[in-house]
Structure formats: structure tokens, C-alpha cells
């Protein structure tokens, strides 16, 4: 169950796909560029807000389940995963959606649950591997 409306004063309260950790997220449309802010403990991660629409469009195009993947910026992402797509020079922004150098990774952990909260995707876990598809 997700609570919150996705604003700074009423952020989404989410869980990572594995369910192991909770975090909050909200849209900051006043930032330039607009960002999705994810607060994980005391750590603040930011991703371009357009990532939500871009990821949803990519999932619709894929028309199938896609592995999420999860890796820090310093580690390579597994090819074909959401994490890898969020770094590709061929994605709609031509590279990283993450905005803080050194903390641009983990897209596959923190952004997909927001799409689920918006009712635009679903996540399934099978054999400890998380995957997503558009709705």
C-alpha cells in the first residue's frame, strides 16, 4: 500500500521492490530541471522528473516484463535492465537520469516504485529478481 500524493509536503511513502527498505519520494517541479527527489534515510537522490514518462513509454514499447537491475553509479548495469536503460546514450535524455554525480545509479530501485504508485506499472518478484511491466 502506497501513501502520499507525491508532493514535498505529502511525499509518497514507498518500499524498494524487494520490500527490504522504505523511502519517500516527491516531485520538485520548481527545480530547474524538474526532478524526482528520493529520500533514503538521510541520503537524497534526484532523477530527472521526465524519467517517469520516459520510462513508462519505454515499457509500453517493450510490451513485456523487463528486469529492474540495481547498481551504483560506479558499477556497470546489466544490459537490458531498467538500470541500464537509464544510463544509455540512446535513451531520451542521452544518458544519465540521475542528477547527483557519484549518486546517479540505483534508478532501477527507486524510480519504478513511483510508476507503480501512479498506477502506470506493476512490479513482480520471481526467484529474488524484480521485473516491471507497464499497465
C-alpha atoms as a PDB file:
ATOM      1  CA  UNK A   1       0.000   0.000   0.000  1.00  0.00           C
ATOM      2  CA  UNK A   2       1.364   3.405  -1.005  1.00  0.00           C
ATOM      3  CA  UNK A   3       0.522   6.596   0.808  1.00  0.00           C
ATOM      4  CA  UNK A   4       1.117  10.226  -0.094  1.00  0.00           C
ATOM      5  CA  UNK A   5       0.402  12.357  -3.112  1.00  0.00           C
ATOM      6  CA  UNK A   6       3.971  12.906  -4.332  1.00  0.00           C
ATOM      7  CA  UNK A   7       4.429  16.489  -3.151  1.00  0.00           C
ATOM      8  CA  UNK A   8       7.149  17.699  -0.804  1.00  0.00           C
ATOM      9  CA  UNK A   9       4.594  18.246   1.965  1.00  0.00           C
ATOM     10  CA  UNK A  10       2.906  14.863   1.293  1.00  0.00           C
ATOM     11  CA  UNK A  11       5.539  12.588  -0.296  1.00  0.00           C
ATOM     12  CA  UNK A  12       4.896   9.087  -1.495  1.00  0.00           C
ATOM     13  CA  UNK A  13       5.937   6.561   1.143  1.00  0.00           C
ATOM     14  CA  UNK A  14       7.305   3.663  -0.867  1.00  0.00           C
ATOM     15  CA  UNK A  15       9.185   0.407  -0.485  1.00  0.00           C
ATOM     16  CA  UNK A  16      12.032  -0.833  -2.619  1.00  0.00           C
ATOM     17  CA  UNK A  17      10.971  -3.621  -4.998  1.00  0.00           C
ATOM     18  CA  UNK A  18      12.406  -6.249  -2.659  1.00  0.00           C
ATOM     19  CA  UNK A  19      10.383  -4.763   0.179  1.00  0.00           C
ATOM     20  CA  UNK A  20      13.548  -4.523   2.251  1.00  0.00           C
ATOM     21  CA  UNK A  21      13.632  -0.761   2.718  1.00  0.00           C
ATOM     22  CA  UNK A  22      11.216   2.114   2.773  1.00  0.00           C
ATOM     23  CA  UNK A  23      11.838   5.591   1.379  1.00  0.00           C
ATOM     24  CA  UNK A  24       9.934   8.684   0.379  1.00  0.00           C
ATOM     25  CA  UNK A  25       9.727  10.413  -2.989  1.00  0.00           C
ATOM     26  CA  UNK A  26       8.206  13.597  -4.327  1.00  0.00           C
ATOM     27  CA  UNK A  27       8.098  15.728  -7.449  1.00  0.00           C
ATOM     28  CA  UNK A  28      10.051  19.007  -7.361  1.00  0.00           C
ATOM     29  CA  UNK A  29       8.686  20.831 -10.367  1.00  0.00           C
ATOM     30  CA  UNK A  30      10.236  24.129  -9.231  1.00  0.00           C
ATOM     31  CA  UNK A  31      13.774  22.778  -9.695  1.00  0.00           C
ATOM     32  CA  UNK A  32      15.482  23.508 -12.989  1.00  0.00           C
ATOM     33  CA  UNK A  33      15.280  20.946 -14.456  1.00  0.00           C
ATOM     34  CA  UNK A  34      12.310  19.397 -12.618  1.00  0.00           C
ATOM     35  CA  UNK A  35      13.356  16.381 -10.555  1.00  0.00           C
ATOM     36  CA  UNK A  36      12.038  13.407  -8.657  1.00  0.00           C
ATOM     37  CA  UNK A  37      13.527  13.546  -5.164  1.00  0.00           C
ATOM     38  CA  UNK A  38      14.019  10.239  -3.343  1.00  0.00           C
ATOM     39  CA  UNK A  39      14.905  10.366   0.338  1.00  0.00           C
ATOM     40  CA  UNK A  40      16.520   7.172   1.554  1.00  0.00           C
ATOM     41  CA  UNK A  41      17.330   7.659   5.210  1.00  0.00           C
ATOM     42  CA  UNK A  42      19.388  10.858   5.199  1.00  0.00           C
ATOM     43  CA  UNK A  43      20.516  10.380   1.596  1.00  0.00           C
ATOM     44  CA  UNK A  44      18.842  12.455  -1.104  1.00  0.00           C
ATOM     45  CA  UNK A  45      18.867  11.112  -4.648  1.00  0.00           C
ATOM     46  CA  UNK A  46      17.472  13.095  -7.555  1.00  0.00           C
ATOM     47  CA  UNK A  47      16.433  11.945 -11.005  1.00  0.00           C
ATOM     48  CA  UNK A  48      15.045  13.980 -13.885  1.00  0.00           C
ATOM     49  CA  UNK A  49      11.275  14.089 -13.367  1.00  0.00           C
ATOM     50  CA  UNK A  50      10.699  13.282 -17.022  1.00  0.00           C
ATOM     51  CA  UNK A  51      12.157   9.838 -16.260  1.00  0.00           C
ATOM     52  CA  UNK A  52       8.691   8.743 -15.115  1.00  0.00           C
ATOM     53  CA  UNK A  53       7.097   9.458 -18.505  1.00  0.00           C
ATOM     54  CA  UNK A  54      10.139   8.294 -20.470  1.00  0.00           C
ATOM     55  CA  UNK A  55      10.370   5.007 -18.548  1.00  0.00           C
ATOM     56  CA  UNK A  56       6.645   4.391 -18.932  1.00  0.00           C
ATOM     57  CA  UNK A  57       6.848   4.997 -22.696  1.00  0.00           C
ATOM     58  CA  UNK A  58       9.839   2.629 -22.965  1.00  0.00           C
ATOM     59  CA  UNK A  59       7.978  -0.073 -21.022  1.00  0.00           C
ATOM     60  CA  UNK A  60       4.954   0.302 -23.314  1.00  0.00           C
ATOM     61  CA  UNK A  61       7.282  -0.068 -26.306  1.00  0.00           C
ATOM     62  CA  UNK A  62       8.841  -3.201 -24.777  1.00  0.00           C
ATOM     63  CA  UNK A  63       5.360  -4.700 -24.172  1.00  0.00           C
ATOM     64  CA  UNK A  64       6.820  -7.295 -21.819  1.00  0.00           C
ATOM     65  CA  UNK A  65       8.389  -7.716 -18.411  1.00  0.00           C
ATOM     66  CA  UNK A  66      11.785  -6.028 -18.016  1.00  0.00           C
ATOM     67  CA  UNK A  67      14.282  -6.776 -15.242  1.00  0.00           C
ATOM     68  CA  UNK A  68      14.866  -3.790 -12.968  1.00  0.00           C
ATOM     69  CA  UNK A  69      18.546  -4.178 -12.234  1.00  0.00           C
ATOM     70  CA  UNK A  70      20.191  -2.187  -9.497  1.00  0.00           C
ATOM     71  CA  UNK A  71      23.703  -0.903  -9.277  1.00  0.00           C
ATOM     72  CA  UNK A  72      25.604   2.078  -8.015  1.00  0.00           C
ATOM     73  CA  UNK A  73      26.961   4.577 -10.498  1.00  0.00           C
ATOM     74  CA  UNK A  74      30.467   3.125 -10.164  1.00  0.00           C
ATOM     75  CA  UNK A  75      29.339  -0.358 -11.262  1.00  0.00           C
ATOM     76  CA  UNK A  76      28.146  -1.360 -14.717  1.00  0.00           C
ATOM     77  CA  UNK A  77      24.456  -2.097 -15.138  1.00  0.00           C
ATOM     78  CA  UNK A  78      23.272  -5.416 -16.537  1.00  0.00           C
ATOM     79  CA  UNK A  79      22.359  -4.990 -20.202  1.00  0.00           C
ATOM     80  CA  UNK A  80      18.637  -4.891 -20.982  1.00  0.00           C
ATOM     81  CA  UNK A  81      17.573  -3.801 -17.499  1.00  0.00           C
ATOM     82  CA  UNK A  82      15.772  -0.626 -16.461  1.00  0.00           C
ATOM     83  CA  UNK A  83      19.001   0.409 -14.704  1.00  0.00           C
ATOM     84  CA  UNK A  84      20.984   0.056 -17.950  1.00  0.00           C
ATOM     85  CA  UNK A  85      18.352   1.940 -19.972  1.00  0.00           C
ATOM     86  CA  UNK A  86      18.553   4.880 -17.528  1.00  0.00           C
ATOM     87  CA  UNK A  87      22.248   5.286 -18.420  1.00  0.00           C
ATOM     88  CA  UNK A  88      22.232   4.660 -22.171  1.00  0.00           C
ATOM     89  CA  UNK A  89      23.281   7.383 -24.556  1.00  0.00           C
ATOM     90  CA  UNK A  90      20.335   6.272 -26.727  1.00  0.00           C
ATOM     91  CA  UNK A  91      17.661   6.984 -24.088  1.00  0.00           C
ATOM     92  CA  UNK A  92      15.553  10.165 -24.493  1.00  0.00           C
ATOM     93  CA  UNK A  93      17.948  12.343 -22.442  1.00  0.00           C
ATOM     94  CA  UNK A  94      21.108  10.873 -23.948  1.00  0.00           C
ATOM     95  CA  UNK A  95      22.496   9.404 -20.738  1.00  0.00           C
ATOM     96  CA  UNK A  96      22.017   9.518 -17.004  1.00  0.00           C
ATOM     97  CA  UNK A  97      18.656  10.425 -15.457  1.00  0.00           C
ATOM     98  CA  UNK A  98      20.351  10.631 -12.053  1.00  0.00           C
ATOM     99  CA  UNK A  99      21.428  14.177 -11.263  1.00  0.00           C
ATOM    100  CA  UNK A 100      23.981  13.952  -8.447  1.00  0.00           C
ATOM    101  CA  UNK A 101      27.399  12.854  -9.667  1.00  0.00           C
ATOM    102  CA  UNK A 102      28.515   9.851  -7.664  1.00  0.00           C
ATOM    103  CA  UNK A 103      24.895   9.014  -6.795  1.00  0.00           C
ATOM    104  CA  UNK A 104      23.311   8.683 -10.241  1.00  0.00           C
ATOM    105  CA  UNK A 105      22.777   4.933 -10.025  1.00  0.00           C
ATOM    106  CA  UNK A 106      20.104   2.884  -8.290  1.00  0.00           C
ATOM    107  CA  UNK A 107      17.497   4.141 -10.766  1.00  0.00           C
ATOM    108  CA  UNK A 108      16.079   0.612 -11.022  1.00  0.00           C
ATOM    109  CA  UNK A 109      15.484   0.545  -7.267  1.00  0.00           C
ATOM    110  CA  UNK A 110      13.927   3.941  -6.583  1.00  0.00           C
ATOM    111  CA  UNK A 111      12.138   5.138  -9.740  1.00  0.00           C
ATOM    112  CA  UNK A 112       9.992   2.115 -10.766  1.00  0.00           C
ATOM    113  CA  UNK A 113       8.008   2.035  -7.472  1.00  0.00           C
ATOM    114  CA  UNK A 114       6.865   5.587  -8.260  1.00  0.00           C
ATOM    115  CA  UNK A 115       5.352   4.349 -11.541  1.00  0.00           C
ATOM    116  CA  UNK A 116       3.553   1.680  -9.516  1.00  0.00           C
ATOM    117  CA  UNK A 117       2.288   4.356  -7.082  1.00  0.00           C
ATOM    118  CA  UNK A 118       0.939   6.266 -10.086  1.00  0.00           C
ATOM    119  CA  UNK A 119      -0.873   3.151 -11.331  1.00  0.00           C
ATOM    120  CA  UNK A 120       1.175   3.017 -14.544  1.00  0.00           C
ATOM    121  CA  UNK A 121       3.159  -0.169 -13.941  1.00  0.00           C
ATOM    122  CA  UNK A 122       3.390  -3.284 -11.857  1.00  0.00           C
ATOM    123  CA  UNK A 123       6.401  -4.991 -10.312  1.00  0.00           C
ATOM    124  CA  UNK A 124       6.766  -8.718  -9.745  1.00  0.00           C
ATOM    125  CA  UNK A 125       9.436 -10.620  -7.859  1.00  0.00           C
ATOM    126  CA  UNK A 126      10.394 -14.081  -9.055  1.00  0.00           C
ATOM    127  CA  UNK A 127      13.385 -16.013  -7.747  1.00  0.00           C
ATOM    128  CA  UNK A 128      14.542 -12.867  -5.924  1.00  0.00           C
ATOM    129  CA  UNK A 129      14.660 -10.969  -9.236  1.00  0.00           C
ATOM    130  CA  UNK A 130      12.434  -7.922  -9.676  1.00  0.00           C
ATOM    131  CA  UNK A 131      10.862  -7.031 -13.003  1.00  0.00           C
ATOM    132  CA  UNK A 132       8.392  -4.435 -14.217  1.00  0.00           C
ATOM    133  CA  UNK A 133       5.817  -4.035 -16.961  1.00  0.00           C
ATOM    134  CA  UNK A 134       3.592  -1.139 -17.966  1.00  0.00           C
ATOM    135  CA  UNK A 135      -0.129  -1.087 -17.293  1.00  0.00           C
END
